[in-house]
PDB file of N, CA and C in Angstrom:
ATOM      1  N   MET A   1     -29.064  50.238  71.430  1.00  0.00           N
ATOM      2  CA  MET A   1     -28.358  49.535  70.373  1.00  0.00           C
ATOM      3  C   MET A   1     -29.086  49.789  69.043  1.00  0.00           C
ATOM      4  N   PRO A   2     -28.389  50.351  68.043  1.00  0.00           N
ATOM      5  CA  PRO A   2     -29.043  50.637  66.761  1.00  0.00           C
ATOM      6  C   PRO A   2     -29.400  49.351  66.024  1.00  0.00           C
ATOM      7  N   THR A   3     -30.473  49.424  65.259  1.00  0.00           N
ATOM      8  CA  THR A   3     -30.914  48.287  64.467  1.00  0.00           C
ATOM      9  C   THR A   3     -30.100  48.217  63.189  1.00  0.00           C
ATOM     10  N   ASP A   4     -29.743  47.008  62.797  1.00  0.00           N
ATOM     11  CA  ASP A   4     -29.000  46.790  61.560  1.00  0.00           C
ATOM     12  C   ASP A   4     -29.975  46.827  60.385  1.00  0.00           C
ATOM     13  N   VAL A   5     -29.998  47.945  59.673  1.00  0.00           N
ATOM     14  CA  VAL A   5     -30.926  48.114  58.554  1.00  0.00           C
ATOM     15  C   VAL A   5     -30.677  47.054  57.490  1.00  0.00           C
ATOM     16  N   PHE A   6     -29.424  46.691  57.275  1.00  0.00           N
ATOM     17  CA  PHE A   6     -29.101  45.663  56.277  1.00  0.00           C
ATOM     18  C   PHE A   6     -29.750  44.335  56.660  1.00  0.00           C
ATOM     19  N   GLY A   7     -29.672  43.973  57.933  1.00  0.00           N
ATOM     20  CA  GLY A   7     -30.287  42.734  58.405  1.00  0.00           C
ATOM     21  C   GLY A   7     -31.797  42.761  58.255  1.00  0.00           C
ATOM     22  N   VAL A   8     -32.398  43.906  58.530  1.00  0.00           N
ATOM     23  CA  VAL A   8     -33.843  44.048  58.392  1.00  0.00           C
ATOM     24  C   VAL A   8     -34.246  43.871  56.933  1.00  0.00           C
ATOM     25  N   LEU A   9     -33.469  44.444  56.026  1.00  0.00           N
ATOM     26  CA  LEU A   9     -33.787  44.378  54.598  1.00  0.00           C
ATOM     27  C   LEU A   9     -33.462  43.024  53.973  1.00  0.00           C
ATOM     28  N   ALA A  10     -32.775  42.161  54.703  1.00  0.00           N
ATOM     29  CA  ALA A  10     -32.426  40.848  54.164  1.00  0.00           C
ATOM     30  C   ALA A  10     -33.663  39.977  53.953  1.00  0.00           C
ATOM     31  N   ASN A  11     -34.743  40.278  54.644  1.00  0.00           N
ATOM     32  CA  ASN A  11     -35.952  39.469  54.538  1.00  0.00           C
ATOM     33  C   ASN A  11     -36.811  39.937  53.362  1.00  0.00           C
ATOM     34  N   PRO A  12     -37.172  39.031  52.446  1.00  0.00           N
ATOM     35  CA  PRO A  12     -37.943  39.436  51.260  1.00  0.00           C
ATOM     36  C   PRO A  12     -39.349  39.951  51.592  1.00  0.00           C
ATOM     37  N   VAL A  13     -39.972  39.449  52.647  1.00  0.00           N
ATOM     38  CA  VAL A  13     -41.301  39.945  53.022  1.00  0.00           C
ATOM     39  C   VAL A  13     -41.196  41.408  53.439  1.00  0.00           C
ATOM     40  N   ARG A  14     -40.173  41.737  54.204  1.00  0.00           N
ATOM     41  CA  ARG A  14     -39.999  43.120  54.641  1.00  0.00           C
ATOM     42  C   ARG A  14     -39.722  44.047  53.462  1.00  0.00           C
ATOM     43  N   ARG A  15     -38.927  43.569  52.507  1.00  0.00           N
ATOM     44  CA  ARG A  15     -38.667  44.389  51.318  1.00  0.00           C
ATOM     45  C   ARG A  15     -39.954  44.633  50.537  1.00  0.00           C
ATOM     46  N   ARG A  16     -40.795  43.609  50.415  1.00  0.00           N
ATOM     47  CA  ARG A  16     -42.078  43.770  49.708  1.00  0.00           C
ATOM     48  C   ARG A  16     -43.003  44.713  50.462  1.00  0.00           C
ATOM     49  N   LEU A  17     -42.987  44.650  51.785  1.00  0.00           N
ATOM     50  CA  LEU A  17     -43.797  45.573  52.570  1.00  0.00           C
ATOM     51  C   LEU A  17     -43.366  47.015  52.305  1.00  0.00           C
ATOM     52  N   LEU A  18     -42.054  47.248  52.344  1.00  0.00           N
ATOM     53  CA  LEU A  18     -41.550  48.600  52.072  1.00  0.00           C
ATOM     54  C   LEU A  18     -41.909  49.039  50.659  1.00  0.00           C
ATOM     55  N   ASP A  19     -41.780  48.121  49.722  1.00  0.00           N
ATOM     56  CA  ASP A  19     -42.098  48.423  48.334  1.00  0.00           C
ATOM     57  C   ASP A  19     -43.558  48.852  48.191  1.00  0.00           C
ATOM     58  N   SER A  20     -44.445  48.161  48.860  1.00  0.00           N
ATOM     59  CA  SER A  20     -45.864  48.501  48.749  1.00  0.00           C
ATOM     60  C   SER A  20     -46.183  49.827  49.427  1.00  0.00           C
ATOM     61  N   LEU A  21     -45.406  50.202  50.426  1.00  0.00           N
ATOM     62  CA  LEU A  21     -45.646  51.469  51.120  1.00  0.00           C
ATOM     63  C   LEU A  21     -45.126  52.679  50.346  1.00  0.00           C
ATOM     64  N   ARG A  22     -44.344  52.441  49.289  1.00  0.00           N
ATOM     65  CA  ARG A  22     -43.895  53.555  48.451  1.00  0.00           C
ATOM     66  C   ARG A  22     -45.073  54.266  47.814  1.00  0.00           C
ATOM     67  N   GLU A  23     -46.158  53.537  47.586  1.00  0.00           N
ATOM     68  CA  GLU A  23     -47.350  54.107  46.945  1.00  0.00           C
ATOM     69  C   GLU A  23     -48.203  54.907  47.922  1.00  0.00           C
ATOM     70  N   GLY A  24     -47.897  54.825  49.205  1.00  0.00           N
ATOM     71  CA  GLY A  24     -48.660  55.556  50.209  1.00  0.00           C
ATOM     72  C   GLY A  24     -49.001  54.670  51.386  1.00  0.00           C
ATOM     73  N   PRO A  25     -49.580  55.265  52.419  1.00  0.00           N
ATOM     74  CA  PRO A  25     -49.910  54.508  53.626  1.00  0.00           C
ATOM     75  C   PRO A  25     -50.911  53.391  53.339  1.00  0.00           C
ATOM     76  N   ARG A  26     -50.769  52.309  54.082  1.00  0.00           N
ATOM     77  CA  ARG A  26     -51.679  51.166  53.950  1.00  0.00           C
ATOM     78  C   ARG A  26     -52.002  50.630  55.342  1.00  0.00           C
ATOM     79  N   SER A  27     -53.180  50.058  55.450  1.00  0.00           N
ATOM     80  CA  SER A  27     -53.574  49.462  56.726  1.00  0.00           C
ATOM     81  C   SER A  27     -52.905  48.094  56.882  1.00  0.00           C
ATOM     82  N   THR A  28     -52.894  47.628  58.114  1.00  0.00           N
ATOM     83  CA  THR A  28     -52.336  46.305  58.396  1.00  0.00           C
ATOM     84  C   THR A  28     -53.066  45.247  57.576  1.00  0.00           C
ATOM     85  N   GLY A  29     -54.390  45.354  57.508  1.00  0.00           N
ATOM     86  CA  GLY A  29     -55.179  44.388  56.743  1.00  0.00           C
ATOM     87  C   GLY A  29     -54.836  44.383  55.264  1.00  0.00           C
ATOM     88  N   GLU A  30     -54.674  45.568  54.683  1.00  0.00           N
ATOM     89  CA  GLU A  30     -54.286  45.661  53.265  1.00  0.00           C
ATOM     90  C   GLU A  30     -52.948  44.985  53.033  1.00  0.00           C
ATOM     91  N   LEU A  31     -52.001  45.293  53.913  1.00  0.00           N
ATOM     92  CA  LEU A  31     -50.660  44.725  53.775  1.00  0.00           C
ATOM     93  C   LEU A  31     -50.693  43.208  53.948  1.00  0.00           C
ATOM     94  N   ALA A  32     -51.431  42.740  54.929  1.00  0.00           N
ATOM     95  CA  ALA A  32     -51.498  41.298  55.180  1.00  0.00           C
ATOM     96  C   ALA A  32     -52.118  40.557  54.003  1.00  0.00           C
ATOM     97  N   GLY A  33     -53.068  41.205  53.314  1.00  0.00           N
ATOM     98  CA  GLY A  33     -53.717  40.580  52.170  1.00  0.00           C
ATOM     99  C   GLY A  33     -52.808  40.369  50.978  1.00  0.00           C
ATOM    100  N   MET A  34     -51.642  40.946  51.003  1.00  0.00           N
ATOM    101  CA  MET A  34     -50.704  40.836  49.878  1.00  0.00           C
ATOM    102  C   MET A  34     -49.782  39.623  50.005  1.00  0.00           C
ATOM    103  N   PHE A  35     -49.890  38.887  51.114  1.00  0.00           N
ATOM    104  CA  PHE A  35     -48.926  37.826  51.398  1.00  0.00           C
ATOM    105  C   PHE A  35     -49.617  36.502  51.692  1.00  0.00           C
ATOM    106  N   GLU A  36     -48.886  35.429  51.457  1.00  0.00           N
ATOM    107  CA  GLU A  36     -49.361  34.085  51.771  1.00  0.00           C
ATOM    108  C   GLU A  36     -49.300  33.815  53.273  1.00  0.00           C
ATOM    109  N   VAL A  37     -48.411  34.495  53.969  1.00  0.00           N
ATOM    110  CA  VAL A  37     -48.282  34.291  55.414  1.00  0.00           C
ATOM    111  C   VAL A  37     -49.454  34.959  56.117  1.00  0.00           C
ATOM    112  N   GLY A  38     -49.720  34.569  57.338  1.00  0.00           N
ATOM    113  CA  GLY A  38     -50.846  35.112  58.080  1.00  0.00           C
ATOM    114  C   GLY A  38     -50.607  36.528  58.576  1.00  0.00           C
ATOM    115  N   ARG A  39     -51.694  37.130  59.025  1.00  0.00           N
ATOM    116  CA  ARG A  39     -51.634  38.492  59.529  1.00  0.00           C
ATOM    117  C   ARG A  39     -50.674  38.636  60.716  1.00  0.00           C
ATOM    118  N   PRO A  40     -50.625  37.667  61.657  1.00  0.00           N
ATOM    119  CA  PRO A  40     -49.665  37.804  62.759  1.00  0.00           C
ATOM    120  C   PRO A  40     -48.210  37.877  62.276  1.00  0.00           C
ATOM    121  N   ALA A  41     -47.882  37.106  61.241  1.00  0.00           N
ATOM    122  CA  ALA A  41     -46.509  37.139  60.707  1.00  0.00           C
ATOM    123  C   ALA A  41     -46.218  38.495  60.079  1.00  0.00           C
ATOM    124  N   VAL A  42     -47.192  39.038  59.331  1.00  0.00           N
ATOM    125  CA  VAL A  42     -47.011  40.358  58.716  1.00  0.00           C
ATOM    126  C   VAL A  42     -46.858  41.410  59.810  1.00  0.00           C
ATOM    127  N   SER A  43     -47.647  41.300  60.871  1.00  0.00           N
ATOM    128  CA  SER A  43     -47.545  42.241  61.994  1.00  0.00           C
ATOM    129  C   SER A  43     -46.161  42.191  62.632  1.00  0.00           C
ATOM    130  N   GLU A  44     -45.597  40.992  62.743  1.00  0.00           N
ATOM    131  CA  GLU A  44     -44.238  40.862  63.291  1.00  0.00           C
ATOM    132  C   GLU A  44     -43.218  41.545  62.393  1.00  0.00           C
ATOM    133  N   HIS A  45     -43.357  41.368  61.088  1.00  0.00           N
ATOM    134  CA  HIS A  45     -42.440  42.025  60.145  1.00  0.00           C
ATOM    135  C   HIS A  45     -42.580  43.545  60.237  1.00  0.00           C
ATOM    136  N   LEU A  46     -43.811  44.018  60.362  1.00  0.00           N
ATOM    137  CA  LEU A  46     -44.032  45.457  60.502  1.00  0.00           C
ATOM    138  C   LEU A  46     -43.409  45.987  61.790  1.00  0.00           C
ATOM    139  N   ALA A  47     -43.454  45.194  62.850  1.00  0.00           N
ATOM    140  CA  ALA A  47     -42.838  45.604  64.114  1.00  0.00           C
ATOM    141  C   ALA A  47     -41.330  45.737  63.954  1.00  0.00           C
ATOM    142  N   VAL A  48     -40.720  44.813  63.213  1.00  0.00           N
ATOM    143  CA  VAL A  48     -39.273  44.885  62.961  1.00  0.00           C
ATOM    144  C   VAL A  48     -38.954  46.137  62.152  1.00  0.00           C
ATOM    145  N   LEU A  49     -39.761  46.411  61.133  1.00  0.00           N
ATOM    146  CA  LEU A  49     -39.554  47.603  60.311  1.00  0.00           C
ATOM    147  C   LEU A  49     -39.744  48.879  61.138  1.00  0.00           C
ATOM    148  N   ARG A  50     -40.708  48.855  62.038  1.00  0.00           N
ATOM    149  CA  ARG A  50     -40.952  50.019  62.902  1.00  0.00           C
ATOM    150  C   ARG A  50     -39.769  50.239  63.842  1.00  0.00           C
ATOM    151  N   THR A  51     -39.245  49.165  64.426  1.00  0.00           N
ATOM    152  CA  THR A  51     -38.090  49.273  65.318  1.00  0.00           C
ATOM    153  C   THR A  51     -36.877  49.833  64.584  1.00  0.00           C
ATOM    154  N   ALA A  52     -36.733  49.475  63.307  1.00  0.00           N
ATOM    155  CA  ALA A  52     -35.614  49.966  62.503  1.00  0.00           C
ATOM    156  C   ALA A  52     -35.842  51.393  62.016  1.00  0.00           C
ATOM    157  N   GLY A  53     -37.020  51.943  62.264  1.00  0.00           N
ATOM    158  CA  GLY A  53     -37.321  53.300  61.826  1.00  0.00           C
ATOM    159  C   GLY A  53     -37.686  53.395  60.358  1.00  0.00           C
ATOM    160  N   LEU A  54     -37.989  52.247  59.730  1.00  0.00           N
ATOM    161  CA  LEU A  54     -38.306  52.233  58.306  1.00  0.00           C
ATOM    162  C   LEU A  54     -39.787  52.465  58.025  1.00  0.00           C
ATOM    163  N   VAL A  55     -40.627  52.276  59.038  1.00  0.00           N
ATOM    164  CA  VAL A  55     -42.048  52.580  58.903  1.00  0.00           C
ATOM    165  C   VAL A  55     -42.513  53.310  60.158  1.00  0.00           C
ATOM    166  N   ARG A  56     -43.599  54.033  59.980  1.00  0.00           N
ATOM    167  CA  ARG A  56     -44.253  54.730  61.085  1.00  0.00           C
ATOM    168  C   ARG A  56     -45.683  54.234  61.141  1.00  0.00           C
ATOM    169  N   GLU A  57     -46.161  53.987  62.349  1.00  0.00           N
ATOM    170  CA  GLU A  57     -47.518  53.491  62.548  1.00  0.00           C
ATOM    171  C   GLU A  57     -48.442  54.645  62.938  1.00  0.00           C
ATOM    172  N   GLU A  58     -49.613  54.693  62.298  1.00  0.00           N
ATOM    173  CA  GLU A  58     -50.601  55.732  62.614  1.00  0.00           C
ATOM    174  C   GLU A  58     -51.926  55.058  62.957  1.00  0.00           C
ATOM    175  N   PRO A  59     -52.374  55.172  64.215  1.00  0.00           N
ATOM    176  CA  PRO A  59     -53.683  54.609  64.554  1.00  0.00           C
ATOM    177  C   PRO A  59     -54.805  55.490  64.002  1.00  0.00           C
ATOM    178  N   ARG A  60     -55.781  54.852  63.359  1.00  0.00           N
ATOM    179  CA  ARG A  60     -56.981  55.546  62.862  1.00  0.00           C
ATOM    180  C   ARG A  60     -58.180  54.701  63.292  1.00  0.00           C
ATOM    181  N   GLY A  61     -58.789  55.090  64.380  1.00  0.00           N
ATOM    182  CA  GLY A  61     -59.900  54.297  64.904  1.00  0.00           C
ATOM    183  C   GLY A  61     -59.414  52.912  65.292  1.00  0.00           C
ATOM    184  N   ARG A  62     -60.054  51.882  64.751  1.00  0.00           N
ATOM    185  CA  ARG A  62     -59.668  50.502  65.065  1.00  0.00           C
ATOM    186  C   ARG A  62     -58.551  49.980  64.168  1.00  0.00           C
ATOM    187  N   HIS A  63     -58.124  50.773  63.211  1.00  0.00           N
ATOM    188  CA  HIS A  63     -57.118  50.325  62.248  1.00  0.00           C
ATOM    189  C   HIS A  63     -55.785  51.015  62.498  1.00  0.00           C
ATOM    190  N   ARG A  64     -54.739  50.377  62.020  1.00  0.00           N
ATOM    191  CA  ARG A  64     -53.399  50.951  62.063  1.00  0.00           C
ATOM    192  C   ARG A  64     -52.921  51.088  60.621  1.00  0.00           C
ATOM    193  N   TYR A  65     -52.424  52.272  60.318  1.00  0.00           N
ATOM    194  CA  TYR A  65     -51.877  52.526  58.984  1.00  0.00           C
ATOM    195  C   TYR A  65     -50.371  52.702  59.105  1.00  0.00           C
ATOM    196  N   TYR A  66     -49.671  52.186  58.109  1.00  0.00           N
ATOM    197  CA  TYR A  66     -48.212  52.261  58.098  1.00  0.00           C
ATOM    198  C   TYR A  66     -47.760  53.177  56.979  1.00  0.00           C
ATOM    199  N   HIS A  67     -46.766  53.990  57.307  1.00  0.00           N
ATOM    200  CA  HIS A  67     -46.173  54.947  56.373  1.00  0.00           C
ATOM    201  C   HIS A  67     -44.694  54.598  56.215  1.00  0.00           C
ATOM    202  N   LEU A  68     -44.183  54.730  55.018  1.00  0.00           N
ATOM    203  CA  LEU A  68     -42.759  54.530  54.754  1.00  0.00           C
ATOM    204  C   LEU A  68     -41.953  55.675  55.349  1.00  0.00           C
ATOM    205  N   GLU A  69     -40.887  55.342  56.024  1.00  0.00           N
ATOM    206  CA  GLU A  69     -39.916  56.321  56.537  1.00  0.00           C
ATOM    207  C   GLU A  69     -38.581  55.948  55.903  1.00  0.00           C
ATOM    208  N   ALA A  70     -38.216  56.620  54.834  1.00  0.00           N
ATOM    209  CA  ALA A  70     -37.077  56.201  54.012  1.00  0.00           C
ATOM    210  C   ALA A  70     -35.716  56.677  54.519  1.00  0.00           C
ATOM    211  N   ALA A  71     -35.672  57.544  55.514  1.00  0.00           N
ATOM    212  CA  ALA A  71     -34.383  58.098  55.961  1.00  0.00           C
ATOM    213  C   ALA A  71     -33.345  57.033  56.303  1.00  0.00           C
ATOM    214  N   PRO A  72     -33.704  55.951  57.008  1.00  0.00           N
ATOM    215  CA  PRO A  72     -32.676  54.941  57.308  1.00  0.00           C
ATOM    216  C   PRO A  72     -32.107  54.252  56.068  1.00  0.00           C
ATOM    217  N   LEU A  73     -32.803  54.349  54.950  1.00  0.00           N
ATOM    218  CA  LEU A  73     -32.293  53.743  53.715  1.00  0.00           C
ATOM    219  C   LEU A  73     -31.105  54.509  53.151  1.00  0.00           C
ATOM    220  N   ALA A  74     -30.863  55.719  53.647  1.00  0.00           N
ATOM    221  CA  ALA A  74     -29.708  56.492  53.199  1.00  0.00           C
ATOM    222  C   ALA A  74     -28.410  55.756  53.513  1.00  0.00           C
ATOM    223  N   GLU A  75     -28.371  55.043  54.634  1.00  0.00           N
ATOM    224  CA  GLU A  75     -27.187  54.253  54.992  1.00  0.00           C
ATOM    225  C   GLU A  75     -26.927  53.177  53.939  1.00  0.00           C
ATOM    226  N   VAL A  76     -27.985  52.533  53.497  1.00  0.00           N
ATOM    227  CA  VAL A  76     -27.858  51.489  52.473  1.00  0.00           C
ATOM    228  C   VAL A  76     -27.400  52.112  51.157  1.00  0.00           C
ATOM    229  N   SER A  77     -28.011  53.223  50.797  1.00  0.00           N
ATOM    230  CA  SER A  77     -27.651  53.911  49.558  1.00  0.00           C
ATOM    231  C   SER A  77     -26.191  54.348  49.569  1.00  0.00           C
ATOM    232  N   ALA A  78     -25.749  54.889  50.695  1.00  0.00           N
ATOM    233  CA  ALA A  78     -24.361  55.341  50.803  1.00  0.00           C
ATOM    234  C   ALA A  78     -23.396  54.167  50.660  1.00  0.00           C
ATOM    235  N   TRP A  79     -23.769  53.034  51.205  1.00  0.00           N
ATOM    236  CA  TRP A  79     -22.894  51.862  51.115  1.00  0.00           C
ATOM    237  C   TRP A  79     -22.855  51.324  49.685  1.00  0.00           C
ATOM    238  N   LEU A  80     -23.999  51.343  48.992  1.00  0.00           N
ATOM    239  CA  LEU A  80     -24.074  50.806  47.627  1.00  0.00           C
ATOM    240  C   LEU A  80     -23.461  51.727  46.576  1.00  0.00           C
ATOM    241  N   HIS A  81     -23.434  53.014  46.855  1.00  0.00           N
ATOM    242  CA  HIS A  81     -22.983  53.993  45.861  1.00  0.00           C
ATOM    243  C   HIS A  81     -21.623  53.656  45.221  1.00  0.00           C
ATOM    244  N   PRO A  82     -20.601  53.277  45.987  1.00  0.00           N
ATOM    245  CA  PRO A  82     -19.313  52.983  45.353  1.00  0.00           C
ATOM    246  C   PRO A  82     -19.351  51.810  44.372  1.00  0.00           C
ATOM    247  N   PHE A  83     -20.374  50.970  44.460  1.00  0.00           N
ATOM    248  CA  PHE A  83     -20.461  49.809  43.577  1.00  0.00           C
ATOM    249  C   PHE A  83     -21.188  50.104  42.276  1.00  0.00           C
ATOM    250  N   GLU A  84     -21.780  51.290  42.173  1.00  0.00           N
ATOM    251  CA  GLU A  84     -22.554  51.632  40.981  1.00  0.00           C
ATOM    252  C   GLU A  84     -21.733  51.567  39.703  1.00  0.00           C
ATOM    253  N   HIS A  85     -20.467  51.978  39.781  1.00  0.00           N
ATOM    254  CA  HIS A  85     -19.679  52.006  38.539  1.00  0.00           C
ATOM    255  C   HIS A  85     -19.462  50.600  37.988  1.00  0.00           C
ATOM    256  N   TYR A  86     -19.442  49.572  38.856  1.00  0.00           N
ATOM    257  CA  TYR A  86     -19.314  48.194  38.366  1.00  0.00           C
ATOM    258  C   TYR A  86     -20.540  47.802  37.551  1.00  0.00           C
ATOM    259  N   TRP A  87     -21.727  48.150  38.063  1.00  0.00           N
ATOM    260  CA  TRP A  87     -22.947  47.836  37.333  1.00  0.00           C
ATOM    261  C   TRP A  87     -23.026  48.638  36.044  1.00  0.00           C
ATOM    262  N   ASN A  88     -22.638  49.901  36.110  1.00  0.00           N
ATOM    263  CA  ASN A  88     -22.668  50.725  34.899  1.00  0.00           C
ATOM    264  C   ASN A  88     -21.750  50.167  33.824  1.00  0.00           C
ATOM    265  N   GLN A  89     -20.573  49.682  34.216  1.00  0.00           N
ATOM    266  CA  GLN A  89     -19.648  49.081  33.254  1.00  0.00           C
ATOM    267  C   GLN A  89     -20.258  47.838  32.624  1.00  0.00           C
ATOM    268  N   ARG A  90     -20.911  47.013  33.420  1.00  0.00           N
ATOM    269  CA  ARG A  90     -21.517  45.785  32.897  1.00  0.00           C
ATOM    270  C   ARG A  90     -22.668  46.110  31.949  1.00  0.00           C
ATOM    271  N   LEU A  91     -23.463  47.128  32.308  1.00  0.00           N
ATOM    272  CA  LEU A  91     -24.573  47.510  31.438  1.00  0.00           C
ATOM    273  C   LEU A  91     -24.074  48.107  30.124  1.00  0.00           C
ATOM    274  N   GLU A  92     -22.997  48.873  30.182  1.00  0.00           N
ATOM    275  CA  GLU A  92     -22.411  49.427  28.958  1.00  0.00           C
ATOM    276  C   GLU A  92     -21.875  48.309  28.072  1.00  0.00           C
ATOM    277  N   ALA A  93     -21.230  47.315  28.675  1.00  0.00           N
ATOM    278  CA  ALA A  93     -20.715  46.184  27.903  1.00  0.00           C
ATOM    279  C   ALA A  93     -21.866  45.421  27.254  1.00  0.00           C
ATOM    280  N   LEU A  94     -22.948  45.231  27.979  1.00  0.00           N
ATOM    281  CA  LEU A  94     -24.108  44.549  27.411  1.00  0.00           C
ATOM    282  C   LEU A  94     -24.700  45.364  26.269  1.00  0.00           C
ATOM    283  N   SER A  95     -24.806  46.660  26.446  1.00  0.00           N
ATOM    284  CA  SER A  95     -25.334  47.534  25.402  1.00  0.00           C
ATOM    285  C   SER A  95     -24.468  47.467  24.147  1.00  0.00           C
ATOM    286  N   ASP A  96     -23.149  47.489  24.333  1.00  0.00           N
ATOM    287  CA  ASP A  96     -22.228  47.387  23.194  1.00  0.00           C
ATOM    288  C   ASP A  96     -22.416  46.057  22.467  1.00  0.00           C
ATOM    289  N   LEU A  97     -22.556  44.981  23.214  1.00  0.00           N
ATOM    290  CA  LEU A  97     -22.747  43.661  22.629  1.00  0.00           C
ATOM    291  C   LEU A  97     -24.052  43.610  21.829  1.00  0.00           C
ATOM    292  N   LEU A  98     -25.117  44.160  22.397  1.00  0.00           N
ATOM    293  CA  LEU A  98     -26.400  44.161  21.695  1.00  0.00           C
ATOM    294  C   LEU A  98     -26.330  45.030  20.440  1.00  0.00           C
ATOM    295  N   ASP A  99     -25.658  46.154  20.500  1.00  0.00           N
ATOM    296  CA  ASP A  99     -25.487  47.011  19.317  1.00  0.00           C
ATOM    297  C   ASP A  99     -24.729  46.270  18.233  1.00  0.00           C
ATOM    298  N   GLU A 100     -23.706  45.542  18.655  1.00  0.00           N
ATOM    299  CA  GLU A 100     -22.900  44.778  17.695  1.00  0.00           C
ATOM    300  C   GLU A 100     -23.743  43.675  17.057  1.00  0.00           C
ATOM    301  N   GLU A 101     -24.542  42.993  17.848  1.00  0.00           N
ATOM    302  CA  GLU A 101     -25.403  41.908  17.346  1.00  0.00           C
ATOM    303  C   GLU A 101     -26.434  42.473  16.358  1.00  0.00           C
ATOM    304  N   ASN A 102     -27.004  43.622  16.690  1.00  0.00           N
ATOM    305  CA  ASN A 102     -28.046  44.217  15.845  1.00  0.00           C
ATOM    306  C   ASN A 102     -27.491  44.770  14.539  1.00  0.00           C
ATOM    307  N   SER A 103     -26.228  45.152  14.525  1.00  0.00           N
ATOM    308  CA  SER A 103     -25.656  45.725  13.304  1.00  0.00           C
ATOM    309  C   SER A 103     -25.186  44.661  12.314  1.00  0.00           C
ATOM    310  N   THR A 104     -25.150  43.412  12.733  1.00  0.00           N
ATOM    311  CA  THR A 104     -24.711  42.341  11.811  1.00  0.00           C
ATOM    312  C   THR A 104     -25.860  41.609  11.192  1.00  0.00           C
TER     313      THR A 104
END
């Protein structure tokens, strides 16, 4: 049964974990130090991300390092793509409004 990437990304801790891994691999301890929740909770979130294929675990001696695996995010990107024009229209309207305000 495939993992629902959208459901996995619904959790803000998991999104922050992925965000921090964009900068490169990090150990479990480094990742846990970024959160108010305990290390066991962070480990559980990492396990969910690993099951979804969003992270890869690399053992290095006594430590485990996590790497971002962004391929499953393509599904999210493909789903969001049709909505981009709505945001672009809103940003253009805001830009026009600000230009109008600045010219008066």
